[in-house]
Amino acid sequence: MKVHLAIAVSFLFASASYAAGASWGYEGEGAPERWGELSPEFSACSKGVNQSPINIKGAVKANLPPLKLRLAAGAQKIVNNGHTVQVSVSQGNVLTLDGEDFELQQFHFHTSSENQINGQSFPVEAHFVYKNKDGQLAVVGLMFKEGKENLPLASAWSVLPAEQGEPAELAKPVDLASLLPKKRTYYRFSGSLTTPPCSEGVRWLVLEEMSSISKEQVEKLAAAVHRNNARPVQPLNGRLIVR
């Protein structure tokens, strides 16, 4: 339970860091290679052994069960928190994993992708962050390849905040059922938060199927975060990746 609580506190700390404009970032003095030096709470960023993101390769076929998602319509709020563009959601979106229910808290975007697949990066990666009743986290990763405009994201992108600010309610919430691919096979591995405090014990599920996003949509996201907001891949350290 102490581990579970620590992860939950770390998740809340990360959210508070966004709001407070903590000194970490993606370049200069606060760049990823220095995160572990910025605060004692960030020590896992440099000392952790199960860090994310990773290069997904050599996955072992394990006949994983189908991804069990319950998706619900509801209110959503969008915010540029200075590190990413994030959409918070109302209750009712549930991932059932290992016999437990994890509820979706928010989803956010990185450009370029943080995780790689066989050494390849992609223009955008979305992270859907779920939490169970004990505070344990699971993250579903979705890669986007450049191509057609992503229609489920179009309404959010039309009001994409170009600067850091307060959350704003989306008049037309993102349809998660349409955003996620119909085929939901996935890679699974143990990892961490990809931002400070880099807490470990996060269950990672990265979808094999990708969604499409237009060049203009990628450029608008990149302009909003003013940078590439992707942490470099971390050593696997013997971790097993299954699919």
C-alpha atoms as a PDB file:
ATOM      1  CA  MET A   1       0.000   0.000   0.000  1.00  0.00           C
ATOM      2  CA  LYS A   2       2.912   2.371   0.727  1.00  0.00           C
ATOM      3  CA  VAL A   3       4.172   1.899  -2.840  1.00  0.00           C
ATOM      4  CA  HIS A   4       0.693   2.555  -4.215  1.00  0.00           C
ATOM      5  CA  LEU A   5       0.380   5.702  -2.113  1.00  0.00           C
ATOM      6  CA  ALA A   6       3.800   6.928  -3.206  1.00  0.00           C
ATOM      7  CA  ILE A   7       2.834   6.592  -6.861  1.00  0.00           C
ATOM      8  CA  ALA A   8      -0.413   8.452  -6.271  1.00  0.00           C
ATOM      9  CA  VAL A   9       1.389  11.258  -4.424  1.00  0.00           C
ATOM     10  CA  SER A  10       3.988  11.432  -7.189  1.00  0.00           C
ATOM     11  CA  PHE A  11       1.245  11.724  -9.803  1.00  0.00           C
ATOM     12  CA  LEU A  12      -0.339  14.564  -7.860  1.00  0.00           C
ATOM     13  CA  PHE A  13       3.068  16.183  -7.418  1.00  0.00           C
ATOM     14  CA  ALA A  14       3.640  16.047 -11.158  1.00  0.00           C
ATOM     15  CA  SER A  15       0.298  17.745 -11.733  1.00  0.00           C
ATOM     16  CA  ALA A  16       1.177  20.412  -9.174  1.00  0.00           C
ATOM     17  CA  SER A  17       4.526  20.940 -10.883  1.00  0.00           C
ATOM     18  CA  TYR A  18       2.680  21.703 -14.102  1.00  0.00           C
ATOM     19  CA  ALA A  19       0.511  24.260 -12.360  1.00  0.00           C
ATOM     20  CA  ALA A  20       3.369  25.872 -10.450  1.00  0.00           C
ATOM     21  CA  GLY A  21       5.612  26.136 -13.497  1.00  0.00           C
ATOM     22  CA  ALA A  22       8.406  24.021 -11.961  1.00  0.00           C
ATOM     23  CA  SER A  23      11.867  24.525 -13.397  1.00  0.00           C
ATOM     24  CA  TRP A  24      12.088  21.290 -15.350  1.00  0.00           C
ATOM     25  CA  GLY A  25      11.641  21.297 -19.104  1.00  0.00           C
ATOM     26  CA  TYR A  26      13.021  19.867 -22.326  1.00  0.00           C
ATOM     27  CA  GLU A  27      16.019  22.079 -23.017  1.00  0.00           C
ATOM     28  CA  GLY A  28      18.687  24.138 -21.284  1.00  0.00           C
ATOM     29  CA  GLU A  29      19.246  23.941 -17.530  1.00  0.00           C
ATOM     30  CA  GLY A  30      16.031  21.983 -16.970  1.00  0.00           C
ATOM     31  CA  ALA A  31      16.557  19.433 -19.775  1.00  0.00           C
ATOM     32  CA  PRO A  32      15.717  15.737 -19.255  1.00  0.00           C
ATOM     33  CA  GLU A  33      19.315  14.687 -18.609  1.00  0.00           C
ATOM     34  CA  ARG A  34      19.321  17.007 -15.572  1.00  0.00           C
ATOM     35  CA  TRP A  35      15.887  16.254 -14.108  1.00  0.00           C
ATOM     36  CA  GLY A  36      17.310  14.034 -11.380  1.00  0.00           C
ATOM     37  CA  GLU A  37      19.470  16.922 -10.115  1.00  0.00           C
ATOM     38  CA  LEU A  38      16.696  19.515  -9.909  1.00  0.00           C
ATOM     39  CA  SER A  39      14.959  18.236  -6.773  1.00  0.00           C
ATOM     40  CA  PRO A  40      15.221  15.303  -4.321  1.00  0.00           C
ATOM     41  CA  GLU A  41      11.684  14.349  -5.361  1.00  0.00           C
ATOM     42  CA  PHE A  42      12.958  13.873  -8.930  1.00  0.00           C
ATOM     43  CA  SER A  43      15.747  11.428  -8.014  1.00  0.00           C
ATOM     44  CA  ALA A  44      14.069   8.526  -9.836  1.00  0.00           C
ATOM     45  CA  CYS A  45      14.642  10.405 -13.104  1.00  0.00           C
ATOM     46  CA  SER A  46      18.352   9.598 -12.806  1.00  0.00           C
ATOM     47  CA  LYS A  47      18.454   6.658 -10.377  1.00  0.00           C
ATOM     48  CA  GLY A  48      15.424   4.656 -11.505  1.00  0.00           C
ATOM     49  CA  VAL A  49      15.940   1.363 -13.355  1.00  0.00           C
ATOM     50  CA  ASN A  50      12.474   0.984 -14.936  1.00  0.00           C
ATOM     51  CA  GLN A  51      12.162   4.344 -16.633  1.00  0.00           C
ATOM     52  CA  SER A  52       9.969   5.396 -19.554  1.00  0.00           C
ATOM     53  CA  PRO A  53       9.851   5.936 -22.460  1.00  0.00           C
ATOM     54  CA  ILE A  54      11.588   3.017 -24.161  1.00  0.00           C
ATOM     55  CA  ASN A  55      12.381   1.668 -27.596  1.00  0.00           C
ATOM     56  CA  ILE A  56       9.877  -1.166 -28.031  1.00  0.00           C
ATOM     57  CA  LYS A  57      11.684  -4.023 -29.751  1.00  0.00           C
ATOM     58  CA  GLY A  58      12.061  -7.763 -29.329  1.00  0.00           C
ATOM     59  CA  ALA A  59       8.582  -8.095 -27.825  1.00  0.00           C
ATOM     60  CA  VAL A  60       7.693 -11.627 -26.714  1.00  0.00           C
ATOM     61  CA  LYS A  61       4.385 -12.984 -27.986  1.00  0.00           C
ATOM     62  CA  ALA A  62       2.257 -13.695 -24.926  1.00  0.00           C
ATOM     63  CA  ASN A  63      -1.326 -13.789 -26.248  1.00  0.00           C
ATOM     64  CA  LEU A  64      -2.344 -10.826 -24.135  1.00  0.00           C
ATOM     65  CA  PRO A  65      -6.064 -10.489 -23.397  1.00  0.00           C
ATOM     66  CA  PRO A  66      -8.006  -7.929 -25.445  1.00  0.00           C
ATOM     67  CA  LEU A  67      -7.829  -4.387 -24.134  1.00  0.00           C
ATOM     68  CA  LYS A  68     -10.967  -3.967 -22.028  1.00  0.00           C
ATOM     69  CA  LEU A  69     -12.159  -0.363 -22.190  1.00  0.00           C
ATOM     70  CA  ARG A  70     -15.444   1.208 -21.173  1.00  0.00           C
ATOM     71  CA  LEU A  71     -15.784   4.580 -22.879  1.00  0.00           C
ATOM     72  CA  ALA A  72     -18.294   7.224 -21.849  1.00  0.00           C
ATOM     73  CA  ALA A  73     -19.281  10.619 -23.193  1.00  0.00           C
ATOM     74  CA  GLY A  74     -18.926  13.529 -20.813  1.00  0.00           C
ATOM     75  CA  ALA A  75     -17.490  16.956 -20.139  1.00  0.00           C
ATOM     76  CA  GLN A  76     -13.834  17.602 -20.970  1.00  0.00           C
ATOM     77  CA  LYS A  77     -11.463  20.476 -20.270  1.00  0.00           C
ATOM     78  CA  ILE A  78      -8.371  21.378 -22.292  1.00  0.00           C
ATOM     79  CA  VAL A  79      -5.299  23.150 -20.948  1.00  0.00           C
ATOM     80  CA  ASN A  80      -1.820  24.106 -22.064  1.00  0.00           C
ATOM     81  CA  ASN A  81       0.100  23.531 -18.816  1.00  0.00           C
ATOM     82  CA  GLY A  82       3.444  24.678 -20.150  1.00  0.00           C
ATOM     83  CA  HIS A  83       4.732  21.156 -20.771  1.00  0.00           C
ATOM     84  CA  THR A  84       1.976  19.607 -22.854  1.00  0.00           C
ATOM     85  CA  VAL A  85      -1.591  20.047 -24.059  1.00  0.00           C
ATOM     86  CA  GLN A  86      -3.811  18.024 -21.745  1.00  0.00           C
ATOM     87  CA  VAL A  87      -7.497  17.093 -21.779  1.00  0.00           C
ATOM     88  CA  SER A  88      -9.121  16.154 -18.472  1.00  0.00           C
ATOM     89  CA  VAL A  89     -12.234  13.992 -18.578  1.00  0.00           C
ATOM     90  CA  SER A  90     -15.300  13.284 -16.485  1.00  0.00           C
ATOM     91  CA  GLN A  91     -15.889   9.939 -14.781  1.00  0.00           C
ATOM     92  CA  GLY A  92     -17.003   6.799 -16.561  1.00  0.00           C
ATOM     93  CA  ASN A  93     -14.043   5.917 -18.794  1.00  0.00           C
ATOM     94  CA  VAL A  94     -12.653   2.690 -17.363  1.00  0.00           C
ATOM     95  CA  LEU A  95      -9.817   0.324 -18.241  1.00  0.00           C
ATOM     96  CA  THR A  96     -10.087  -3.129 -16.666  1.00  0.00           C
ATOM     97  CA  LEU A  97      -6.587  -4.543 -16.263  1.00  0.00           C
ATOM     98  CA  ASP A  98      -5.353  -7.478 -14.181  1.00  0.00           C
ATOM     99  CA  GLY A  99      -8.831  -7.812 -12.687  1.00  0.00           C
ATOM    100  CA  GLU A 100      -8.903  -4.192 -11.495  1.00  0.00           C
ATOM    101  CA  ASP A 101     -10.675  -1.075 -12.712  1.00  0.00           C
ATOM    102  CA  PHE A 102      -8.586   1.957 -13.631  1.00  0.00           C
ATOM    103  CA  GLU A 103     -10.396   5.229 -14.343  1.00  0.00           C
ATOM    104  CA  LEU A 104      -9.197   7.651 -17.006  1.00  0.00           C
ATOM    105  CA  GLN A 105      -7.937  10.908 -15.469  1.00  0.00           C
ATOM    106  CA  GLN A 106      -6.648  12.766 -18.516  1.00  0.00           C
ATOM    107  CA  PHE A 107      -4.910  12.364 -21.838  1.00  0.00           C
ATOM    108  CA  HIS A 108      -2.118  14.502 -23.226  1.00  0.00           C
ATOM    109  CA  PHE A 109       0.221  14.736 -26.200  1.00  0.00           C
ATOM    110  CA  HIS A 110       3.935  14.581 -26.977  1.00  0.00           C
ATOM    111  CA  THR A 111       5.645  15.636 -30.180  1.00  0.00           C
ATOM    112  CA  SER A 112       7.534  13.758 -31.289  1.00  0.00           C
ATOM    113  CA  SER A 113       6.557  10.402 -29.795  1.00  0.00           C
ATOM    114  CA  GLU A 114       8.306   9.440 -26.573  1.00  0.00           C
ATOM    115  CA  ASN A 115       8.216   5.685 -27.008  1.00  0.00           C
ATOM    116  CA  GLN A 116       9.739   4.270 -30.175  1.00  0.00           C
ATOM    117  CA  ILE A 117       8.855   1.076 -32.033  1.00  0.00           C
ATOM    118  CA  ASN A 118      11.848  -0.770 -33.452  1.00  0.00           C
ATOM    119  CA  GLY A 119      13.846   2.440 -33.270  1.00  0.00           C
ATOM    120  CA  GLN A 120      11.278   4.539 -35.088  1.00  0.00           C
ATOM    121  CA  SER A 121       9.736   7.713 -33.688  1.00  0.00           C
ATOM    122  CA  PHE A 122       6.380   9.117 -34.785  1.00  0.00           C
ATOM    123  CA  PRO A 123       5.116  12.710 -35.105  1.00  0.00           C
ATOM    124  CA  VAL A 124       2.795  12.546 -32.069  1.00  0.00           C
ATOM    125  CA  GLU A 125       2.053  10.201 -29.175  1.00  0.00           C
ATOM    126  CA  ALA A 126      -0.974  10.473 -26.889  1.00  0.00           C
ATOM    127  CA  HIS A 127      -0.885   9.163 -23.330  1.00  0.00           C
ATOM    128  CA  PHE A 128      -4.162   8.160 -21.657  1.00  0.00           C
ATOM    129  CA  VAL A 129      -3.498   8.167 -17.903  1.00  0.00           C
ATOM    130  CA  TYR A 130      -5.616   5.819 -15.766  1.00  0.00           C
ATOM    131  CA  LYS A 131      -5.646   5.379 -11.972  1.00  0.00           C
ATOM    132  CA  ASN A 132      -7.144   2.650  -9.779  1.00  0.00           C
ATOM    133  CA  LYS A 133      -8.608   3.017  -6.278  1.00  0.00           C
ATOM    134  CA  ASP A 134      -5.183   2.416  -4.704  1.00  0.00           C
ATOM    135  CA  GLY A 135      -3.527   5.154  -6.737  1.00  0.00           C
ATOM    136  CA  GLN A 136      -1.701   2.811  -9.094  1.00  0.00           C
ATOM    137  CA  LEU A 137      -1.305   4.124 -12.620  1.00  0.00           C
ATOM    138  CA  ALA A 138      -1.682   2.582 -16.061  1.00  0.00           C
ATOM    139  CA  VAL A 139      -0.957   4.478 -19.259  1.00  0.00           C
ATOM    140  CA  VAL A 140      -2.247   3.627 -22.722  1.00  0.00           C
ATOM    141  CA  GLY A 141      -0.017   5.022 -25.466  1.00  0.00           C
ATOM    142  CA  LEU A 142      -1.306   5.803 -28.958  1.00  0.00           C
ATOM    143  CA  MET A 143       1.025   6.714 -31.829  1.00  0.00           C
ATOM    144  CA  PHE A 144       0.013   9.024 -34.660  1.00  0.00           C
ATOM    145  CA  LYS A 145       1.476   8.843 -38.151  1.00  0.00           C
ATOM    146  CA  GLU A 146       1.298  11.778 -40.552  1.00  0.00           C
ATOM    147  CA  GLY A 147      -1.501  11.544 -43.080  1.00  0.00           C
ATOM    148  CA  LYS A 148      -5.153  12.554 -43.104  1.00  0.00           C
ATOM    149  CA  GLU A 149      -6.582  15.062 -40.660  1.00  0.00           C
ATOM    150  CA  ASN A 150      -7.623  13.441 -37.395  1.00  0.00           C
ATOM    151  CA  LEU A 151     -11.329  14.291 -37.237  1.00  0.00           C
ATOM    152  CA  PRO A 152     -11.929  13.287 -33.573  1.00  0.00           C
ATOM    153  CA  LEU A 153      -9.229  15.802 -32.567  1.00  0.00           C
ATOM    154  CA  ALA A 154     -10.449  18.551 -34.909  1.00  0.00           C
ATOM    155  CA  SER A 155     -12.798  20.183 -32.392  1.00  0.00           C
ATOM    156  CA  ALA A 156     -10.119  20.282 -29.679  1.00  0.00           C
ATOM    157  CA  TRP A 157      -7.494  21.513 -32.127  1.00  0.00           C
ATOM    158  CA  SER A 158      -9.784  24.374 -33.193  1.00  0.00           C
ATOM    159  CA  VAL A 159      -9.421  25.794 -29.660  1.00  0.00           C
ATOM    160  CA  LEU A 160      -5.931  24.441 -28.935  1.00  0.00           C
ATOM    161  CA  PRO A 161      -4.449  26.891 -26.423  1.00  0.00           C
ATOM    162  CA  ALA A 162      -1.302  28.445 -27.896  1.00  0.00           C
ATOM    163  CA  GLU A 163       0.000  29.564 -24.497  1.00  0.00           C
ATOM    164  CA  GLN A 164       0.012  28.278 -20.925  1.00  0.00           C
ATOM    165  CA  GLY A 165      -3.190  29.160 -19.114  1.00  0.00           C
ATOM    166  CA  GLU A 166      -6.263  28.005 -17.251  1.00  0.00           C
ATOM    167  CA  PRO A 167      -8.340  24.970 -18.322  1.00  0.00           C
ATOM    168  CA  ALA A 168     -11.229  25.664 -20.690  1.00  0.00           C
ATOM    169  CA  GLU A 169     -14.231  23.444 -21.253  1.00  0.00           C
ATOM    170  CA  LEU A 170     -14.486  21.885 -24.700  1.00  0.00           C
ATOM    171  CA  ALA A 171     -17.790  22.753 -26.324  1.00  0.00           C
ATOM    172  CA  LYS A 172     -17.489  19.544 -28.321  1.00  0.00           C
ATOM    173  CA  PRO A 173     -15.679  16.848 -26.317  1.00  0.00           C
ATOM    174  CA  VAL A 174     -13.273  14.499 -28.085  1.00  0.00           C
ATOM    175  CA  ASP A 175     -15.019  11.232 -29.004  1.00  0.00           C
ATOM    176  CA  LEU A 176     -12.635   8.697 -27.469  1.00  0.00           C
ATOM    177  CA  ALA A 177     -14.292   5.750 -29.192  1.00  0.00           C
ATOM    178  CA  SER A 178     -13.497   7.331 -32.555  1.00  0.00           C
ATOM    179  CA  LEU A 179     -10.043   8.552 -31.523  1.00  0.00           C
ATOM    180  CA  LEU A 180      -8.825   5.111 -30.510  1.00  0.00           C
ATOM    181  CA  PRO A 181      -8.251   2.565 -33.295  1.00  0.00           C
ATOM    182  CA  LYS A 182     -10.714  -0.284 -33.711  1.00  0.00           C
ATOM    183  CA  LYS A 183      -7.917  -2.860 -33.490  1.00  0.00           C
ATOM    184  CA  ARG A 184      -6.483  -2.579 -29.987  1.00  0.00           C
ATOM    185  CA  THR A 185      -3.660  -5.092 -29.770  1.00  0.00           C
ATOM    186  CA  TYR A 186      -0.854  -3.723 -27.664  1.00  0.00           C
ATOM    187  CA  TYR A 187       2.641  -4.002 -26.239  1.00  0.00           C
ATOM    188  CA  ARG A 188       2.938  -4.204 -22.461  1.00  0.00           C
ATOM    189  CA  PHE A 189       5.816  -3.393 -20.130  1.00  0.00           C
ATOM    190  CA  SER A 190       6.565  -1.910 -16.727  1.00  0.00           C
ATOM    191  CA  GLY A 191       7.767   1.675 -16.662  1.00  0.00           C
ATOM    192  CA  SER A 192       7.464   5.107 -15.123  1.00  0.00           C
ATOM    193  CA  LEU A 193       6.009   8.560 -15.576  1.00  0.00           C
ATOM    194  CA  THR A 194       7.861  10.220 -18.462  1.00  0.00           C
ATOM    195  CA  THR A 195       7.996  13.564 -16.632  1.00  0.00           C
ATOM    196  CA  PRO A 196       9.288  14.471 -13.168  1.00  0.00           C
ATOM    197  CA  PRO A 197       9.106  12.939 -10.634  1.00  0.00           C
ATOM    198  CA  CYS A 198       9.554   9.905 -12.984  1.00  0.00           C
ATOM    199  CA  SER A 199       7.842   7.572 -10.477  1.00  0.00           C
ATOM    200  CA  GLU A 200       8.090   3.884 -11.357  1.00  0.00           C
ATOM    201  CA  GLY A 201       5.489   1.129 -11.063  1.00  0.00           C
ATOM    202  CA  VAL A 202       3.412   2.396 -13.994  1.00  0.00           C
ATOM    203  CA  ARG A 203       1.784  -0.273 -16.192  1.00  0.00           C
ATOM    204  CA  TRP A 204       2.361   0.687 -19.822  1.00  0.00           C
ATOM    205  CA  LEU A 205       0.174  -0.466 -22.721  1.00  0.00           C
ATOM    206  CA  VAL A 206       1.207   0.904 -26.130  1.00  0.00           C
ATOM    207  CA  LEU A 207      -1.206   0.229 -28.971  1.00  0.00           C
ATOM    208  CA  GLU A 208       0.213  -1.439 -32.066  1.00  0.00           C
ATOM    209  CA  GLU A 209      -2.329   0.214 -34.367  1.00  0.00           C
ATOM    210  CA  MET A 210      -1.739   3.894 -35.094  1.00  0.00           C
ATOM    211  CA  SER A 211      -4.028   6.817 -35.849  1.00  0.00           C
ATOM    212  CA  SER A 212      -3.584   9.425 -38.550  1.00  0.00           C
ATOM    213  CA  ILE A 213      -2.852  13.111 -37.985  1.00  0.00           C
ATOM    214  CA  SER A 214      -2.302  15.856 -40.526  1.00  0.00           C
ATOM    215  CA  LYS A 215       0.895  17.848 -40.907  1.00  0.00           C
ATOM    216  CA  GLU A 216      -1.036  21.002 -39.966  1.00  0.00           C
ATOM    217  CA  GLN A 217      -2.302  19.393 -36.751  1.00  0.00           C
ATOM    218  CA  VAL A 218       1.239  18.314 -35.809  1.00  0.00           C
ATOM    219  CA  GLU A 219       2.547  21.829 -36.466  1.00  0.00           C
ATOM    220  CA  LYS A 220      -0.206  23.408 -34.362  1.00  0.00           C
ATOM    221  CA  LEU A 221       0.618  21.128 -31.415  1.00  0.00           C
ATOM    222  CA  ALA A 222       4.349  21.798 -31.754  1.00  0.00           C
ATOM    223  CA  ALA A 223       3.701  25.547 -31.819  1.00  0.00           C
ATOM    224  CA  ALA A 224       1.550  25.309 -28.683  1.00  0.00           C
ATOM    225  CA  VAL A 225       4.227  23.558 -26.619  1.00  0.00           C
ATOM    226  CA  HIS A 226       7.002  25.681 -28.195  1.00  0.00           C
ATOM    227  CA  ARG A 227       9.339  22.707 -28.439  1.00  0.00           C
ATOM    228  CA  ASN A 228       9.795  18.995 -28.852  1.00  0.00           C
ATOM    229  CA  ASN A 229       8.288  17.802 -25.549  1.00  0.00           C
ATOM    230  CA  ALA A 230       9.548  14.216 -25.644  1.00  0.00           C
ATOM    231  CA  ARG A 231      11.859  12.661 -23.079  1.00  0.00           C
ATOM    232  CA  PRO A 232      14.581  10.553 -24.757  1.00  0.00           C
ATOM    233  CA  VAL A 233      14.216   6.764 -24.574  1.00  0.00           C
ATOM    234  CA  GLN A 234      15.604   5.134 -21.447  1.00  0.00           C
ATOM    235  CA  PRO A 235      17.602   1.895 -20.952  1.00  0.00           C
ATOM    236  CA  LEU A 236      15.486  -1.249 -20.841  1.00  0.00           C
ATOM    237  CA  ASN A 237      17.643  -2.808 -18.080  1.00  0.00           C
ATOM    238  CA  GLY A 238      16.441  -6.321 -18.815  1.00  0.00           C
ATOM    239  CA  ARG A 239      12.729  -5.556 -18.742  1.00  0.00           C
ATOM    240  CA  LEU A 240      10.451  -7.875 -20.664  1.00  0.00           C
ATOM    241  CA  ILE A 241       8.147  -6.444 -23.342  1.00  0.00           C
ATOM    242  CA  VAL A 242       5.194  -8.649 -24.248  1.00  0.00           C
ATOM    243  CA  ARG A 243       2.564  -8.377 -26.939  1.00  0.00           C
END
